[in-house]
Each structure stands twice: as structure tokens, then as C-alpha cells.
């Protein structure tokens, strides 16, 4: 499981860099500054959690079952939170209204929060 967490964290970080570059350079002529700021928020949160996944995958003090639970909360949170922001920003470029998926963003944020809660609880329980 550690290898999966590490690889996923590295891939998520790579994608965050690529998407960050796209947001900084590719979107500037396509969407307004508010949309670019939203896109960058998605990139930031993805990168933060990618780094935490890399740290998590290297933590020997936590049991694998605990790491797995935290990882799945972070992964689902990254996909739902950051992914929905990316889609909501580029929907005007694609000419498709995706505003109906707006409820997914806070759901993803909630998954990230749950991941952090389980992470903190797990760290407190270390003897």
C-alpha cells in the first residue's frame, strides 16, 4: 500500500505542476482573473495533499489500515474538490454548463477534512 500511496502522491504532484502551469499561462486569455484564482486554489490544494500523501506513504509509525483510510479520504477529496474546480473553470471554454456539479466541490472539501481528522486522531494514538 505504501508504494501505491507514494506513486499516487507523486503523480498528483506532477499533475498539480502541469495544471498550475496551464492555469498560469494557458488560461489567461480564455477566462477572467476570478476563474484563474479558483483554478489555482484547486492546484494548491492538490499539491498540498499530494505532498502529504508522499509523507504518509513514508510513515512507519502508522498501521497500513490507518494509512489506507487517510489516503482514500485525501485521494477522493483531491479528485472531487480540485477536479470539480478545474471542470467549473474550463466549462466556459468548452461551451458546456457544468454548474450543476458545483455541489461536488464542498463534498471534496469535506473528504479532505475527514482525512485530516483521521490523520490527527491516528497521530494522537501513537504510543
C-alpha atoms as a PDB file:
ATOM      1  CA  UNK A   1       0.000   0.000   0.000  1.00  0.00           C
ATOM      2  CA  UNK A   2       2.882   2.369   0.766  1.00  0.00           C
ATOM      3  CA  UNK A   3       4.081   2.127  -2.827  1.00  0.00           C
ATOM      4  CA  UNK A   4       0.587   2.967  -4.107  1.00  0.00           C
ATOM      5  CA  UNK A   5       0.332   5.969  -1.791  1.00  0.00           C
ATOM      6  CA  UNK A   6       3.791   7.190  -2.833  1.00  0.00           C
ATOM      7  CA  UNK A   7       3.179   6.764  -6.565  1.00  0.00           C
ATOM      8  CA  UNK A   8      -0.250   8.385  -6.354  1.00  0.00           C
ATOM      9  CA  UNK A   9       1.206  11.298  -4.390  1.00  0.00           C
ATOM     10  CA  UNK A  10       3.965  11.762  -6.966  1.00  0.00           C
ATOM     11  CA  UNK A  11       1.520  11.612  -9.879  1.00  0.00           C
ATOM     12  CA  UNK A  12      -0.840  14.063  -8.152  1.00  0.00           C
ATOM     13  CA  UNK A  13       2.102  16.439  -7.574  1.00  0.00           C
ATOM     14  CA  UNK A  14       3.172  16.134 -11.209  1.00  0.00           C
ATOM     15  CA  UNK A  15      -0.365  16.877 -12.370  1.00  0.00           C
ATOM     16  CA  UNK A  16      -0.546  19.851  -9.991  1.00  0.00           C
ATOM     17  CA  UNK A  17       2.591  21.328 -11.559  1.00  0.00           C
ATOM     18  CA  UNK A  18       1.251  20.756 -15.075  1.00  0.00           C
ATOM     19  CA  UNK A  19      -2.171  22.164 -14.225  1.00  0.00           C
ATOM     20  CA  UNK A  20      -0.579  25.080 -12.370  1.00  0.00           C
ATOM     21  CA  UNK A  21       1.427  25.972 -15.467  1.00  0.00           C
ATOM     22  CA  UNK A  22      -1.701  25.674 -17.599  1.00  0.00           C
ATOM     23  CA  UNK A  23      -3.604  27.869 -15.159  1.00  0.00           C
ATOM     24  CA  UNK A  24      -0.879  30.497 -15.120  1.00  0.00           C
ATOM     25  CA  UNK A  25      -0.154  30.582 -18.846  1.00  0.00           C
ATOM     26  CA  UNK A  26      -2.893  28.825 -20.787  1.00  0.00           C
ATOM     27  CA  UNK A  27      -5.983  30.229 -19.133  1.00  0.00           C
ATOM     28  CA  UNK A  28      -5.037  33.910 -19.006  1.00  0.00           C
ATOM     29  CA  UNK A  29      -6.621  34.732 -22.381  1.00  0.00           C
ATOM     30  CA  UNK A  30      -9.541  32.347 -22.002  1.00  0.00           C
ATOM     31  CA  UNK A  31     -11.137  33.135 -18.624  1.00  0.00           C
ATOM     32  CA  UNK A  32     -11.287  36.016 -16.167  1.00  0.00           C
ATOM     33  CA  UNK A  33      -8.956  36.507 -13.201  1.00  0.00           C
ATOM     34  CA  UNK A  34     -11.524  35.186 -10.714  1.00  0.00           C
ATOM     35  CA  UNK A  35     -11.651  31.891 -12.603  1.00  0.00           C
ATOM     36  CA  UNK A  36      -7.858  31.716 -12.737  1.00  0.00           C
ATOM     37  CA  UNK A  37      -7.739  32.289  -8.974  1.00  0.00           C
ATOM     38  CA  UNK A  38     -10.251  29.475  -8.451  1.00  0.00           C
ATOM     39  CA  UNK A  39      -8.215  27.183 -10.696  1.00  0.00           C
ATOM     40  CA  UNK A  40      -5.060  27.994  -8.721  1.00  0.00           C
ATOM     41  CA  UNK A  41      -6.903  27.162  -5.475  1.00  0.00           C
ATOM     42  CA  UNK A  42      -7.609  23.699  -6.873  1.00  0.00           C
ATOM     43  CA  UNK A  43      -3.956  23.327  -7.862  1.00  0.00           C
ATOM     44  CA  UNK A  44      -2.729  24.435  -4.419  1.00  0.00           C
ATOM     45  CA  UNK A  45      -4.973  22.020  -2.551  1.00  0.00           C
ATOM     46  CA  UNK A  46      -3.994  19.198  -4.883  1.00  0.00           C
ATOM     47  CA  UNK A  47      -0.291  19.901  -4.342  1.00  0.00           C
ATOM     48  CA  UNK A  48      -0.651  20.151  -0.562  1.00  0.00           C
ATOM     49  CA  UNK A  49      -2.373  16.799  -0.392  1.00  0.00           C
ATOM     50  CA  UNK A  50      -0.010  15.181  -2.907  1.00  0.00           C
ATOM     51  CA  UNK A  51       2.906  16.126  -0.650  1.00  0.00           C
ATOM     52  CA  UNK A  52       1.060  14.821   2.401  1.00  0.00           C
ATOM     53  CA  UNK A  53       0.433  11.526   0.583  1.00  0.00           C
ATOM     54  CA  UNK A  54       4.167  11.210  -0.072  1.00  0.00           C
ATOM     55  CA  UNK A  55       4.831  11.848   3.620  1.00  0.00           C
ATOM     56  CA  UNK A  56       2.056   9.448   4.630  1.00  0.00           C
ATOM     57  CA  UNK A  57       3.467   6.678   2.439  1.00  0.00           C
ATOM     58  CA  UNK A  58       6.795   7.031   4.259  1.00  0.00           C
ATOM     59  CA  UNK A  59       5.377   6.981   7.794  1.00  0.00           C
ATOM     60  CA  UNK A  60       6.328   3.776   9.576  1.00  0.00           C
ATOM     61  CA  UNK A  61       4.580   4.803  12.796  1.00  0.00           C
ATOM     62  CA  UNK A  62       1.085   4.346  11.356  1.00  0.00           C
ATOM     63  CA  UNK A  63      -0.511   0.999  10.596  1.00  0.00           C
ATOM     64  CA  UNK A  64      -1.253   0.239   6.960  1.00  0.00           C
ATOM     65  CA  UNK A  65      -5.014   0.129   7.532  1.00  0.00           C
ATOM     66  CA  UNK A  66      -4.876   3.639   9.022  1.00  0.00           C
ATOM     67  CA  UNK A  67      -2.727   4.958   6.174  1.00  0.00           C
ATOM     68  CA  UNK A  68      -5.105   3.413   3.672  1.00  0.00           C
ATOM     69  CA  UNK A  69      -8.134   5.136   5.201  1.00  0.00           C
ATOM     70  CA  UNK A  70      -6.405   8.531   5.306  1.00  0.00           C
ATOM     71  CA  UNK A  71      -5.112   8.063   1.761  1.00  0.00           C
ATOM     72  CA  UNK A  72      -8.553   7.271   0.365  1.00  0.00           C
ATOM     73  CA  UNK A  73     -10.063  10.340   2.020  1.00  0.00           C
ATOM     74  CA  UNK A  74      -7.279  12.526   0.618  1.00  0.00           C
ATOM     75  CA  UNK A  75      -7.475  10.971  -2.844  1.00  0.00           C
ATOM     76  CA  UNK A  76     -11.254  11.286  -3.091  1.00  0.00           C
ATOM     77  CA  UNK A  77     -11.012  14.822  -1.716  1.00  0.00           C
ATOM     78  CA  UNK A  78      -8.400  15.830  -4.286  1.00  0.00           C
ATOM     79  CA  UNK A  79     -10.431  14.383  -7.124  1.00  0.00           C
ATOM     80  CA  UNK A  80     -13.743  15.862  -6.015  1.00  0.00           C
ATOM     81  CA  UNK A  81     -12.506  19.225  -4.703  1.00  0.00           C
ATOM     82  CA  UNK A  82      -9.760  20.112  -7.161  1.00  0.00           C
ATOM     83  CA  UNK A  83     -11.279  18.198 -10.063  1.00  0.00           C
ATOM     84  CA  UNK A  84     -14.631  19.934  -9.786  1.00  0.00           C
ATOM     85  CA  UNK A  85     -12.923  23.341  -9.616  1.00  0.00           C
ATOM     86  CA  UNK A  86     -10.949  22.549 -12.770  1.00  0.00           C
ATOM     87  CA  UNK A  87     -14.106  21.492 -14.578  1.00  0.00           C
ATOM     88  CA  UNK A  88     -16.103  24.505 -13.389  1.00  0.00           C
ATOM     89  CA  UNK A  89     -13.396  26.873 -14.651  1.00  0.00           C
ATOM     90  CA  UNK A  90     -12.976  25.285 -18.072  1.00  0.00           C
ATOM     91  CA  UNK A  91     -16.686  24.751 -18.681  1.00  0.00           C
ATOM     92  CA  UNK A  92     -16.978  28.172 -20.312  1.00  0.00           C
ATOM     93  CA  UNK A  93     -14.059  27.303 -22.607  1.00  0.00           C
ATOM     94  CA  UNK A  94     -15.710  24.024 -23.558  1.00  0.00           C
ATOM     95  CA  UNK A  95     -19.053  25.730 -24.027  1.00  0.00           C
ATOM     96  CA  UNK A  96     -20.730  23.325 -21.616  1.00  0.00           C
ATOM     97  CA  UNK A  97     -22.526  24.381 -18.467  1.00  0.00           C
ATOM     98  CA  UNK A  98     -21.236  22.279 -15.615  1.00  0.00           C
ATOM     99  CA  UNK A  99     -22.641  24.455 -12.851  1.00  0.00           C
ATOM    100  CA  UNK A 100     -24.800  21.531 -11.759  1.00  0.00           C
ATOM    101  CA  UNK A 101     -21.680  19.788 -10.407  1.00  0.00           C
ATOM    102  CA  UNK A 102     -20.916  22.703  -8.059  1.00  0.00           C
ATOM    103  CA  UNK A 103     -22.120  20.675  -5.062  1.00  0.00           C
ATOM    104  CA  UNK A 104     -19.174  18.288  -5.561  1.00  0.00           C
ATOM    105  CA  UNK A 105     -16.597  20.900  -4.521  1.00  0.00           C
ATOM    106  CA  UNK A 106     -17.697  21.144  -0.870  1.00  0.00           C
ATOM    107  CA  UNK A 107     -18.128  17.364  -0.757  1.00  0.00           C
ATOM    108  CA  UNK A 108     -14.487  17.044  -1.809  1.00  0.00           C
ATOM    109  CA  UNK A 109     -13.502  19.591   0.819  1.00  0.00           C
ATOM    110  CA  UNK A 110     -15.370  17.535   3.407  1.00  0.00           C
ATOM    111  CA  UNK A 111     -13.416  14.425   2.360  1.00  0.00           C
ATOM    112  CA  UNK A 112     -10.148  16.342   2.808  1.00  0.00           C
ATOM    113  CA  UNK A 113     -11.282  17.473   6.261  1.00  0.00           C
ATOM    114  CA  UNK A 114     -12.180  13.893   7.216  1.00  0.00           C
ATOM    115  CA  UNK A 115      -8.750  12.758   6.038  1.00  0.00           C
ATOM    116  CA  UNK A 116      -7.108  15.340   8.286  1.00  0.00           C
ATOM    117  CA  UNK A 117      -9.320  14.398  11.234  1.00  0.00           C
ATOM    118  CA  UNK A 118      -8.366  10.718  10.878  1.00  0.00           C
ATOM    119  CA  UNK A 119      -4.727  11.726  10.436  1.00  0.00           C
ATOM    120  CA  UNK A 120      -4.726  13.775  13.645  1.00  0.00           C
ATOM    121  CA  UNK A 121      -6.549  11.070  15.611  1.00  0.00           C
ATOM    122  CA  UNK A 122      -4.077   8.470  14.351  1.00  0.00           C
ATOM    123  CA  UNK A 123      -1.109  10.614  15.361  1.00  0.00           C
ATOM    124  CA  UNK A 124      -2.566  11.238  18.818  1.00  0.00           C
ATOM    125  CA  UNK A 125      -2.950   7.475  19.326  1.00  0.00           C
ATOM    126  CA  UNK A 126       0.751   6.778  18.688  1.00  0.00           C
ATOM    127  CA  UNK A 127       2.354   5.422  21.849  1.00  0.00           C
END
